[in-house]
C-alpha atoms as a PDB file:
ATOM      1  CA  MET A   1      85.520 209.188  46.234  1.00  0.00           C
ATOM      2  CA  THR A   2      83.666 210.246  49.194  1.00  0.00           C
ATOM      3  CA  ARG A   3      85.271 212.219  51.662  1.00  0.00           C
ATOM      4  CA  PRO A   4      85.173 209.528  55.386  1.00  0.00           C
ATOM      5  CA  THR A   5      82.356 210.327  58.125  1.00  0.00           C
ATOM      6  CA  ASN A   6      83.307 211.152  61.549  1.00  0.00           C
ATOM      7  CA  SER A   7      82.747 208.091  62.250  1.00  0.00           C
ATOM      8  CA  ARG A   8      85.064 206.585  59.547  1.00  0.00           C
ATOM      9  CA  ARG A   9      87.566 209.123  60.133  1.00  0.00           C
ATOM     10  CA  SER A  10      87.323 207.882  64.409  1.00  0.00           C
ATOM     11  CA  ARG A  11      87.774 204.372  63.275  1.00  0.00           C
ATOM     12  CA  ILE A  12      90.650 205.188  61.219  1.00  0.00           C
ATOM     13  CA  GLY A  13      92.206 207.341  63.890  1.00  0.00           C
ATOM     14  CA  ALA A  14      91.709 204.425  66.599  1.00  0.00           C
ATOM     15  CA  ALA A  15      93.555 202.389  64.208  1.00  0.00           C
ATOM     16  CA  VAL A  16      96.607 204.233  63.704  1.00  0.00           C
ATOM     17  CA  GLY A  17      96.169 205.293  67.709  1.00  0.00           C
ATOM     18  CA  ALA A  18      96.566 201.950  68.597  1.00  0.00           C
ATOM     19  CA  ALA A  19      99.069 201.200  66.357  1.00  0.00           C
ATOM     20  CA  ILE A  20     101.232 204.194  67.296  1.00  0.00           C
ATOM     21  CA  GLU A  21     100.930 203.441  70.701  1.00  0.00           C
ATOM     22  CA  GLY A  22     101.294 200.142  70.878  1.00  0.00           C
ATOM     23  CA  GLY A  23     104.475 200.292  68.395  1.00  0.00           C
ATOM     24  CA  ILE A  24     106.370 202.755  71.177  1.00  0.00           C
ATOM     25  CA  TYR A  25     105.119 200.393  73.696  1.00  0.00           C
ATOM     26  CA  GLY A  26     107.090 197.665  72.031  1.00  0.00           C
ATOM     27  CA  TRP A  27     110.097 200.022  71.413  1.00  0.00           C
ATOM     28  CA  GLN A  28     110.566 201.129  74.665  1.00  0.00           C
ATOM     29  CA  HIS A  29     110.159 197.606  76.353  1.00  0.00           C
ATOM     30  CA  ARG A  30     112.400 196.047  73.845  1.00  0.00           C
ATOM     31  CA  ASN A  31     115.107 195.093  76.104  1.00  0.00           C
ATOM     32  CA  GLY A  32     112.940 193.594  79.035  1.00  0.00           C
ATOM     33  CA  GLY A  33     109.565 194.850  80.599  1.00  0.00           C
ATOM     34  CA  PHE A  34     107.413 193.695  77.789  1.00  0.00           C
ATOM     35  CA  THR A  35     104.158 192.594  78.947  1.00  0.00           C
ATOM     36  CA  TRP A  36     100.987 191.715  76.830  1.00  0.00           C
ATOM     37  CA  GLY A  37      98.841 193.226  79.495  1.00  0.00           C
ATOM     38  CA  GLY A  38     100.986 196.596  78.921  1.00  0.00           C
ATOM     39  CA  PHE A  39     100.915 196.103  75.396  1.00  0.00           C
ATOM     40  CA  ALA A  40      97.517 196.285  75.209  1.00  0.00           C
ATOM     41  CA  ASN A  41      96.801 198.742  77.867  1.00  0.00           C
ATOM     42  CA  ALA A  42      98.819 201.088  75.365  1.00  0.00           C
ATOM     43  CA  ALA A  43      97.053 199.999  72.350  1.00  0.00           C
ATOM     44  CA  GLY A  44      93.825 200.578  74.018  1.00  0.00           C
ATOM     45  CA  GLU A  45      94.886 204.089  75.448  1.00  0.00           C
ATOM     46  CA  GLY A  46      95.960 205.138  71.711  1.00  0.00           C
ATOM     47  CA  ALA A  47      93.125 203.475  70.128  1.00  0.00           C
ATOM     48  CA  ILE A  48      90.644 206.018  72.356  1.00  0.00           C
ATOM     49  CA  THR A  49      93.413 208.844  71.384  1.00  0.00           C
ATOM     50  CA  GLY A  50      92.958 208.291  67.975  1.00  0.00           C
ATOM     51  CA  GLY A  51      89.216 207.918  68.037  1.00  0.00           C
ATOM     52  CA  ILE A  52      88.425 211.302  69.387  1.00  0.00           C
ATOM     53  CA  ALA A  53      91.034 212.814  67.573  1.00  0.00           C
ATOM     54  CA  GLY A  54      89.867 211.380  63.909  1.00  0.00           C
ATOM     55  CA  ALA A  55      86.383 212.804  64.883  1.00  0.00           C
ATOM     56  CA  LEU A  56      87.854 216.379  65.762  1.00  0.00           C
ATOM     57  CA  MET A  57      90.070 216.556  62.651  1.00  0.00           C
ATOM     58  CA  PRO A  58      90.144 217.772  59.422  1.00  0.00           C
ATOM     59  CA  GLY A  59      86.492 218.892  60.905  1.00  0.00           C
ATOM     60  CA  VAL A  60      87.511 221.994  63.252  1.00  0.00           C
ATOM     61  CA  GLY A  61      89.394 223.449  60.507  1.00  0.00           C
ATOM     62  CA  ASN A  62      87.310 222.824  57.676  1.00  0.00           C
ATOM     63  CA  ALA A  63      84.600 224.645  60.371  1.00  0.00           C
ATOM     64  CA  ALA A  64      86.977 227.453  60.801  1.00  0.00           C
ATOM     65  CA  ALA A  65      87.677 228.065  56.850  1.00  0.00           C
ATOM     66  CA  ARG A  66      83.816 227.705  56.388  1.00  0.00           C
ATOM     67  CA  ALA A  67      82.994 230.523  58.755  1.00  0.00           C
ATOM     68  CA  LEU A  68      85.771 232.882  57.498  1.00  0.00           C
ATOM     69  CA  GLY A  69      84.000 232.422  53.761  1.00  0.00           C
ATOM     70  CA  LEU A  70      87.712 231.025  52.503  1.00  0.00           C
ATOM     71  CA  SER A  71      88.434 228.435  49.230  1.00  0.00           C
ATOM     72  CA  GLY A  72      91.105 226.831  47.744  1.00  0.00           C
ATOM     73  CA  GLY A  73      94.957 227.387  48.957  1.00  0.00           C
ATOM     74  CA  ARG A  74      93.413 229.723  51.719  1.00  0.00           C
ATOM     75  CA  ALA A  75      90.787 227.513  53.013  1.00  0.00           C
ATOM     76  CA  LEU A  76      93.466 224.465  53.169  1.00  0.00           C
ATOM     77  CA  ALA A  77      96.203 226.741  54.757  1.00  0.00           C
ATOM     78  CA  THR A  78      93.694 227.985  57.610  1.00  0.00           C
ATOM     79  CA  SER A  79      92.189 224.400  58.022  1.00  0.00           C
ATOM     80  CA  SER A  80      95.426 223.321  58.319  1.00  0.00           C
ATOM     81  CA  ALA A  81      96.664 225.785  60.354  1.00  0.00           C
ATOM     82  CA  VAL A  82      93.788 225.636  63.071  1.00  0.00           C
ATOM     83  CA  ASN A  83      93.858 222.027  63.037  1.00  0.00           C
ATOM     84  CA  ALA A  84      98.046 222.149  64.081  1.00  0.00           C
ATOM     85  CA  GLY A  85      96.576 224.298  67.029  1.00  0.00           C
ATOM     86  CA  VAL A  86      93.859 221.920  67.638  1.00  0.00           C
ATOM     87  CA  GLY A  87      96.458 218.634  67.385  1.00  0.00           C
ATOM     88  CA  ALA A  88      99.134 220.369  69.951  1.00  0.00           C
ATOM     89  CA  GLY A  89      96.630 221.055  72.484  1.00  0.00           C
ATOM     90  CA  PHE A  90      95.089 217.644  72.056  1.00  0.00           C
ATOM     91  CA  SER A  91      98.607 216.459  72.762  1.00  0.00           C
ATOM     92  CA  TRP A  92      98.733 218.442  75.784  1.00  0.00           C
ATOM     93  CA  ALA A  93      95.338 217.549  76.966  1.00  0.00           C
ATOM     94  CA  VAL A  94      96.313 214.019  76.943  1.00  0.00           C
ATOM     95  CA  ASN A  95      99.053 214.197  78.644  1.00  0.00           C
ATOM     96  CA  GLU A  96      97.384 216.249  81.429  1.00  0.00           C
ATOM     97  CA  ALA A  97      94.818 213.601  81.734  1.00  0.00           C
ATOM     98  CA  ASN A  98      97.938 211.038  81.688  1.00  0.00           C
ATOM     99  CA  CYS A  99      99.884 213.110  84.262  1.00  0.00           C
ATOM    100  CA  GLN A 100     102.646 213.006  82.230  1.00  0.00           C
ATOM    101  CA  PRO A 101     104.879 216.183  81.647  1.00  0.00           C
ATOM    102  CA  THR A 102     104.215 217.644  77.943  1.00  0.00           C
ATOM    103  CA  THR A 103     107.501 218.633  76.300  1.00  0.00           C
ATOM    104  CA  PRO A 104     108.000 220.651  72.754  1.00  0.00           C
ATOM    105  CA  TRP A 105     108.158 217.301  71.040  1.00  0.00           C
ATOM    106  CA  ASP A 106     104.374 216.515  72.407  1.00  0.00           C
ATOM    107  CA  LEU A 107     103.518 219.724  70.603  1.00  0.00           C
ATOM    108  CA  LEU A 108     105.470 219.412  67.722  1.00  0.00           C
ATOM    109  CA  ILE A 109     104.400 215.960  66.885  1.00  0.00           C
ATOM    110  CA  GLY A 110     100.457 217.068  67.733  1.00  0.00           C
ATOM    111  CA  ALA A 111     100.835 220.102  65.603  1.00  0.00           C
ATOM    112  CA  ALA A 112     102.152 218.113  62.800  1.00  0.00           C
ATOM    113  CA  GLY A 113      99.435 215.268  63.051  1.00  0.00           C
ATOM    114  CA  GLY A 114      96.813 218.004  63.289  1.00  0.00           C
ATOM    115  CA  GLY A 115      98.136 220.116  60.248  1.00  0.00           C
ATOM    116  CA  ILE A 116      98.445 217.108  57.942  1.00  0.00           C
ATOM    117  CA  SER A 117      95.271 216.096  58.553  1.00  0.00           C
ATOM    118  CA  ASN A 118      93.467 217.734  56.008  1.00  0.00           C
ATOM    119  CA  LEU A 119      96.423 217.045  53.243  1.00  0.00           C
ATOM    120  CA  ILE A 120      95.962 213.093  53.584  1.00  0.00           C
ATOM    121  CA  GLY A 121      92.638 213.431  51.200  1.00  0.00           C
ATOM    122  CA  PRO A 122      94.360 215.138  48.879  1.00  0.00           C
ATOM    123  CA  ALA A 123      97.588 213.369  48.636  1.00  0.00           C
ATOM    124  CA  PHE A 124      96.169 210.089  48.583  1.00  0.00           C
ATOM    125  CA  ASN A 125      93.788 211.120  45.406  1.00  0.00           C
ATOM    126  CA  TRP A 126      97.142 212.710  43.955  1.00  0.00           C
ATOM    127  CA  PHE A 127      99.089 209.541  44.032  1.00  0.00           C
ATOM    128  CA  LYS A 128      95.838 207.769  42.874  1.00  0.00           C
ATOM    129  CA  GLY A 129      95.680 209.349  40.024  1.00  0.00           C
ATOM    130  CA  ARG A 130      99.238 208.449  39.073  1.00  0.00           C
ATOM    131  CA  LEU A 131      98.783 204.542  39.080  1.00  0.00           C
ATOM    132  CA  PRO A 132      98.203 203.135  35.801  1.00  0.00           C
ATOM    133  CA  SER A 133      94.597 202.521  35.264  1.00  0.00           C
ATOM    134  CA  GLY A 134      95.145 198.831  34.863  1.00  0.00           C
ATOM    135  CA  GLY A 135      96.671 198.252  38.127  1.00  0.00           C
ATOM    136  CA  LEU A 136     100.451 197.707  39.579  1.00  0.00           C
ATOM    137  CA  LEU A 137      99.537 194.061  38.012  1.00  0.00           C
ATOM    138  CA  THR A 138      98.924 192.405  34.858  1.00  0.00           C
ATOM    139  CA  ALA A 139      96.631 189.585  34.371  1.00  0.00           C
ATOM    140  CA  GLY A 140      99.633 187.994  32.221  1.00  0.00           C
ATOM    141  CA  GLY A 141     101.218 186.525  35.415  1.00  0.00           C
ATOM    142  CA  CYS A 142     105.055 186.859  35.861  1.00  0.00           C
ATOM    143  CA  GLY A 143     105.988 185.317  32.415  1.00  0.00           C
ATOM    144  CA  SER A 144     104.809 187.813  30.072  1.00  0.00           C
ATOM    145  CA  ARG A 145     106.104 190.800  28.997  1.00  0.00           C
ATOM    146  CA  PRO A 146     104.372 193.993  27.237  1.00  0.00           C
END
């Protein structure tokens, strides 16, 4: 599997951001006040935020680890720590741009999202290596048993 380009990371980040913000809007307005326009606005803001975050991370942390000449576990730990800081800072910046107060939960969630950005690819590859080589479905259909 090849590494995603910045463009692909931005698209993935935009999709995830739109889903999260749209879901939050839907949850907050589940008992009334839901409008499709409000939902679209929330999803659009999430897409913009997620796209920018996808372009920034994990590239910033990786650049820091390379600049320090690190490799292996040290590079992964350094990159994750730097990306956690970038994620927390990004959460603060988005809240400031939207004239919203920043809570400790905002910073924690931003840091967690940034910190795990380096771990998603290795986790996917680990999980992919554990799947049966023939896939999850057999060609024989429901009636066949090995």
